[in-house]
């Protein structure tokens, strides 16, 4: 599998700062052709470094006023895959993570309000075979960002030599 080099890192810095930046503008900033940028973007996508592009919808602006994180413990932990498939059928569930610690899995969910959240928990989550759950309601997202590219360590490189 290909490795990320300095040009890839520069491209990632530019497109993570502005996802709508034109490839020709990226090419000018990197001192290469537009075709080279297009090829690099394809390479980074095929490597799984880039996972598509999307417009981010603000849930609150479309009526989802409650954001909650719910830790789930399953009665039968061997049914992880089955539970995940059933969670995929609940459109309000936007993330699901297998975790260590106090929970088998952790989900992020949006609801119109607290009453809607309660309905989802009672009618959609409890029938999944939960031993227990714990719900945390988020009042406000204080930080939401991509990982920084500046500290990315390249092959045959280290952070110390980059900072010199």
Foldseek 3Di string as FASTA:
>chain_A
DDFQDPLLLQLCQVCQVPVPDDLCVSCVVSVHHSVVSVVSVVVCVVVVVDDDDDDDDDVVVVQQQWKKKKAFAAPDLVCVVVLVVLVVVVVQWDDKAQDDDPGRIMTIGTHNDVVRVVCCCVPRVVVSHTPDMDMDIDNDDPDDGDDDSLLDAGVVGHSVVSVD
